[in-house]
Amino acid sequence: MGRPILTIALLAGTGLLGSVVSASPPPAVVGTALQAAPQSRAEGNQAVDDATAAALIGAISGQFAERNVAVKLDAVDVEPAGIVQREITGRGRLLIGKDAEWIPFHFTALYDTEQASVGHPDLTLGGAEPGQAVPVTSSLARALSSQVDQRLHSEFGSQPSQFAVDSIQSVPAGGRYVRIDAIGTADFGPDGNTSAGVHALYDPRTQQWLRLTYELGATANRAGSAPAVKAVASR
């Protein structure tokens, strides 16, 4: 398959607008600024914006394979995170396919000032409002477990694996979708088990899983507890 088509348009006063058409499987994408060596504060700010937009578009295209996704960045906040790194937090919206409603999201990422690039961002779809508990015996929980099992088997095909849900929450993500955050245990049989955190975007109308990622080990318990981000960009 060919590489995704990445288009970034800078819209003064309204943030960044990017669109992507992705092929499956998409290549890994690291956002890189248009000017690698900014010569002024304004150019430095522009470099962060360019790299962040490119990285977000790449990350989203990889998680919504074979779907058209448009992305708007509404706010970006940059704070020092070491000698050469900056922590970037922000919020934006994405549009899937021909949907009429944008889905809000917020994100965190690290920006390398020497390379003028952003690594893979940590995305949280939907708003920051508290989630609604979902019974672990519900059909939704069973469907989620089945989806995670398929991904575990795909990644760890040489060993037995099974996911069990301990808690699950749903959060509105636009008018059509819900974000699913779950915590459970991944059982690898003789090799033991480990904590697992799951993040997914689900369409209740079609019962489709548009996005599903999981984390194993120490970071798994962060599911559903992502902090809110600043609403106004500052530098």
Protein backbone atom coordinates (compact mmCIF):
# COMPACT_ATOMS: atom_id res chain seq x y z
CA MET A 1 0.00 0.00 0.00
CA GLY A 2 1.11 3.62 -0.48
CA ARG A 3 1.87 6.12 2.23
CA PRO A 4 -0.98 8.20 3.74
CA ILE A 5 -1.68 11.55 2.15
CA LEU A 6 -0.93 14.21 4.79
CA THR A 7 -2.15 17.76 4.33
CA ILE A 8 -1.64 20.50 6.91
CA ALA A 9 -3.18 23.95 6.49
CA LEU A 10 -2.36 26.69 8.99
CA LEU A 11 -5.44 28.79 9.71
CA ALA A 12 -4.72 32.07 11.44
CA GLY A 13 -6.84 32.58 14.53
CA THR A 14 -8.52 29.18 14.36
CA GLY A 15 -5.69 26.77 15.08
CA LEU A 16 -4.41 24.08 12.74
CA LEU A 17 -6.52 22.04 10.38
CA GLY A 18 -5.17 18.78 9.02
CA SER A 19 -6.74 15.99 7.01
CA VAL A 20 -5.49 12.49 6.35
CA VAL A 21 -6.46 9.58 4.16
CA SER A 22 -4.77 6.44 5.48
CA ALA A 23 -3.98 3.07 4.01
CA SER A 24 -3.73 -0.13 6.06
CA PRO A 25 -1.31 -0.74 7.65
CA PRO A 26 -0.11 2.91 7.85
CA PRO A 27 3.57 3.69 8.46
CA ALA A 28 4.80 5.09 11.76
CA VAL A 29 4.77 8.89 11.68
CA VAL A 30 6.87 11.33 13.69
CA GLY A 31 5.85 14.95 13.21
CA THR A 32 8.69 17.20 11.98
CA ALA A 33 8.57 20.96 11.74
CA LEU A 34 8.72 22.65 8.35
CA GLN A 35 11.76 24.66 9.51
CA ALA A 36 14.15 22.50 11.55
CA ALA A 37 16.16 25.40 12.98
CA PRO A 38 13.83 28.26 14.04
CA GLN A 39 15.56 31.64 14.12
CA SER A 40 13.01 33.59 16.17
CA ARG A 41 10.39 33.07 18.89
CA ALA A 42 7.62 33.25 16.28
CA GLU A 43 9.37 30.66 14.11
CA GLY A 44 9.90 28.49 17.18
CA ASN A 45 6.18 28.60 17.97
CA GLN A 46 5.40 27.77 14.35
CA ALA A 47 7.79 24.80 14.47
CA VAL A 48 5.99 23.39 17.51
CA ASP A 49 2.60 23.85 15.84
CA ASP A 50 3.74 22.20 12.60
CA ALA A 51 5.35 19.22 14.32
CA THR A 52 2.43 18.72 16.70
CA ALA A 53 -0.11 18.80 13.86
CA ALA A 54 1.87 16.32 11.77
CA ALA A 55 2.36 13.93 14.70
CA LEU A 56 -1.31 14.04 15.68
CA ILE A 57 -2.44 13.39 12.13
CA GLY A 58 -0.06 10.46 11.88
CA ALA A 59 -1.14 9.01 15.22
CA ILE A 60 -4.84 9.30 14.42
CA SER A 61 -4.44 7.86 10.92
CA GLY A 62 -2.79 4.79 12.43
CA GLN A 63 -5.68 4.24 14.84
CA PHE A 64 -8.46 4.71 12.28
CA ALA A 65 -7.03 2.65 9.44
CA GLU A 66 -8.79 2.93 6.08
CA ARG A 67 -10.98 5.79 7.31
CA ASN A 68 -10.82 9.44 6.30
CA VAL A 69 -10.06 11.57 9.35
CA ALA A 70 -9.95 15.38 9.58
CA VAL A 71 -8.26 17.01 12.58
CA LYS A 72 -8.49 20.51 14.06
CA LEU A 73 -6.19 21.71 16.83
CA ASP A 74 -7.95 24.36 18.92
CA ALA A 75 -5.41 25.00 21.71
CA VAL A 76 -1.80 24.13 22.39
CA ASP A 77 0.12 24.74 25.63
CA VAL A 78 3.90 24.24 25.91
CA GLU A 79 5.86 23.82 29.15
CA PRO A 80 9.55 22.99 29.79
CA ALA A 81 10.21 19.27 30.40
CA GLY A 82 14.01 19.13 30.57
CA ILE A 83 16.95 20.67 28.74
CA VAL A 84 15.84 19.90 25.19
CA GLN A 85 12.26 18.68 25.64
CA ARG A 86 8.95 20.48 26.03
CA GLU A 87 5.68 18.97 27.22
CA ILE A 88 2.81 19.81 24.92
CA THR A 89 -0.82 19.59 25.99
CA GLY A 90 -3.81 20.67 24.00
CA ARG A 91 -7.25 20.01 22.73
CA GLY A 92 -8.89 19.68 19.36
CA ARG A 93 -11.58 17.94 17.34
CA LEU A 94 -11.66 15.16 14.78
CA LEU A 95 -14.14 14.18 12.11
CA ILE A 96 -14.47 10.58 10.93
CA GLY A 97 -15.50 9.89 7.35
CA LYS A 98 -18.71 11.65 6.38
CA ASP A 99 -19.91 12.24 9.95
CA ALA A 100 -21.55 15.59 10.59
CA GLU A 101 -20.29 16.07 14.15
CA TRP A 102 -16.73 16.67 15.36
CA ILE A 103 -15.40 14.55 18.23
CA PRO A 104 -13.46 16.48 20.90
CA PHE A 105 -10.13 15.16 22.10
CA HIS A 106 -7.19 16.22 24.24
CA PHE A 107 -3.61 15.13 24.05
CA THR A 108 -0.13 15.22 25.56
CA ALA A 109 3.17 14.84 23.73
CA LEU A 110 6.88 15.57 24.08
CA TYR A 111 8.56 18.02 21.72
CA ASP A 112 12.31 17.77 21.02
CA THR A 113 13.74 21.27 20.50
CA GLU A 114 16.97 20.00 18.93
CA GLN A 115 15.22 17.82 16.36
CA ALA A 116 12.15 20.09 16.09
CA SER A 117 9.95 17.00 16.20
CA VAL A 118 7.12 15.47 18.21
CA GLY A 119 6.91 11.77 19.05
CA HIS A 120 3.74 9.70 19.20
CA PRO A 121 1.08 11.74 21.11
CA ASP A 122 -1.11 10.32 23.88
CA LEU A 123 -4.70 10.92 22.70
CA THR A 124 -7.90 10.86 24.75
CA LEU A 125 -11.11 11.09 22.74
CA GLY A 126 -14.27 12.70 24.12
CA GLY A 127 -14.71 15.26 26.85
CA ALA A 128 -13.25 15.37 30.34
CA GLU A 129 -16.56 14.71 32.14
CA PRO A 130 -16.78 11.68 34.47
CA GLY A 131 -17.66 8.38 32.86
CA GLN A 132 -20.70 6.22 33.52
CA ALA A 133 -20.06 2.79 34.99
CA VAL A 134 -20.96 -0.18 32.78
CA PRO A 135 -21.70 -3.61 34.34
CA VAL A 136 -18.87 -6.08 33.70
CA THR A 137 -21.55 -8.67 32.88
CA SER A 138 -23.11 -6.52 30.13
CA SER A 139 -23.04 -7.35 26.43
CA LEU A 140 -20.80 -4.30 25.88
CA ALA A 141 -18.24 -5.62 28.36
CA ARG A 142 -18.30 -9.03 26.72
CA ALA A 143 -17.84 -7.48 23.28
CA LEU A 144 -14.91 -5.43 24.58
CA SER A 145 -13.27 -8.50 26.08
CA SER A 146 -13.64 -10.31 22.77
CA GLN A 147 -11.99 -7.44 20.91
CA VAL A 148 -9.08 -7.29 23.35
CA ASP A 149 -8.66 -11.08 23.16
CA GLN A 150 -8.34 -10.84 19.37
CA ARG A 151 -5.63 -8.19 19.65
CA LEU A 152 -3.75 -10.10 22.35
CA HIS A 153 -3.83 -13.26 20.23
CA SER A 154 -2.57 -11.25 17.26
CA GLU A 155 0.34 -9.76 19.23
CA PHE A 156 1.16 -12.79 21.41
CA GLY A 157 0.13 -15.59 19.08
CA SER A 158 2.73 -18.04 20.38
CA GLN A 159 1.26 -18.11 23.91
CA PRO A 160 -2.23 -18.37 25.43
CA SER A 161 -3.83 -15.07 26.39
CA GLN A 162 -7.20 -13.86 27.67
CA PHE A 163 -8.53 -10.56 28.97
CA ALA A 164 -10.91 -10.23 31.93
CA VAL A 165 -12.66 -6.91 32.69
CA ASP A 166 -12.55 -5.61 36.27
CA SER A 167 -14.20 -2.22 35.66
CA ILE A 168 -15.50 -0.34 32.64
CA GLN A 169 -16.76 3.19 31.98
CA SER A 170 -18.33 4.93 29.00
CA VAL A 171 -17.92 8.63 28.18
CA PRO A 172 -19.78 10.53 25.42
CA ALA A 173 -17.53 11.33 22.45
CA GLY A 174 -19.55 13.58 20.20
CA GLY A 175 -23.20 12.86 19.51
CA ARG A 176 -22.75 9.42 17.98
CA TYR A 177 -19.83 7.66 19.67
CA VAL A 178 -18.75 6.74 23.19
CA ARG A 179 -15.28 6.36 24.60
CA ILE A 180 -14.78 3.16 26.54
CA ASP A 181 -12.18 3.04 29.34
CA ALA A 182 -11.64 -0.29 31.05
CA ILE A 183 -9.26 -1.85 33.55
CA GLY A 184 -8.74 -5.58 33.79
CA THR A 185 -6.25 -8.43 33.74
CA ALA A 186 -4.46 -10.05 30.83
CA ASP A 187 -3.86 -13.73 31.62
CA PHE A 188 -0.98 -15.39 29.77
CA GLY A 189 -1.40 -18.86 31.27
CA PRO A 190 1.91 -20.35 32.47
CA ASP A 191 3.63 -17.01 31.91
CA GLY A 192 1.42 -15.29 34.51
CA ASN A 193 -0.85 -12.26 34.27
CA THR A 194 -0.57 -8.50 34.30
CA SER A 195 -2.78 -5.43 34.63
CA ALA A 196 -4.35 -4.17 31.41
CA GLY A 197 -5.88 -0.80 30.58
CA VAL A 198 -8.09 -0.45 27.50
CA HIS A 199 -9.18 2.67 25.60
CA ALA A 200 -11.68 2.40 22.75
CA LEU A 201 -14.07 4.39 20.58
CA TYR A 202 -17.37 2.60 20.05
CA ASP A 203 -20.37 3.24 17.81
CA PRO A 204 -23.50 1.96 19.63
CA ARG A 205 -25.63 2.31 16.49
CA THR A 206 -23.56 -0.04 14.36
CA GLN A 207 -21.83 -1.88 17.23
CA GLN A 208 -18.49 -1.13 15.60
CA TRP A 209 -15.16 -0.58 17.38
CA LEU A 210 -13.56 2.29 15.51
CA ARG A 211 -10.47 2.41 17.71
CA LEU A 212 -9.08 0.17 20.44
CA THR A 213 -5.73 0.36 22.21
CA TYR A 214 -4.46 -1.34 25.33
CA GLU A 215 -1.61 -0.97 27.80
CA LEU A 216 -0.06 -3.73 29.84
CA GLY A 217 1.78 -3.43 33.13
CA ALA A 218 2.49 -0.41 35.33
CA THR A 219 0.70 2.22 33.20
CA ALA A 220 -2.50 0.20 32.74
CA ASN A 221 -4.34 1.66 35.75
CA ARG A 222 -4.46 5.11 34.20
CA ALA A 223 -7.46 4.15 32.05
CA GLY A 224 -10.28 6.63 32.48
CA SER A 225 -8.25 9.02 34.60
CA ALA A 226 -6.71 11.30 32.00
CA PRO A 227 -6.44 14.88 33.32
CA ALA A 228 -8.16 17.83 31.74
CA VAL A 229 -5.90 20.18 29.74
CA LYS A 230 -5.69 23.94 29.58
CA ALA A 231 -8.31 25.44 27.33
CA VAL A 232 -6.26 28.44 26.15
CA ALA A 233 -2.93 28.19 24.39
CA SER A 234 -0.01 30.03 26.00
CA ARG A 235 3.70 30.30 25.35
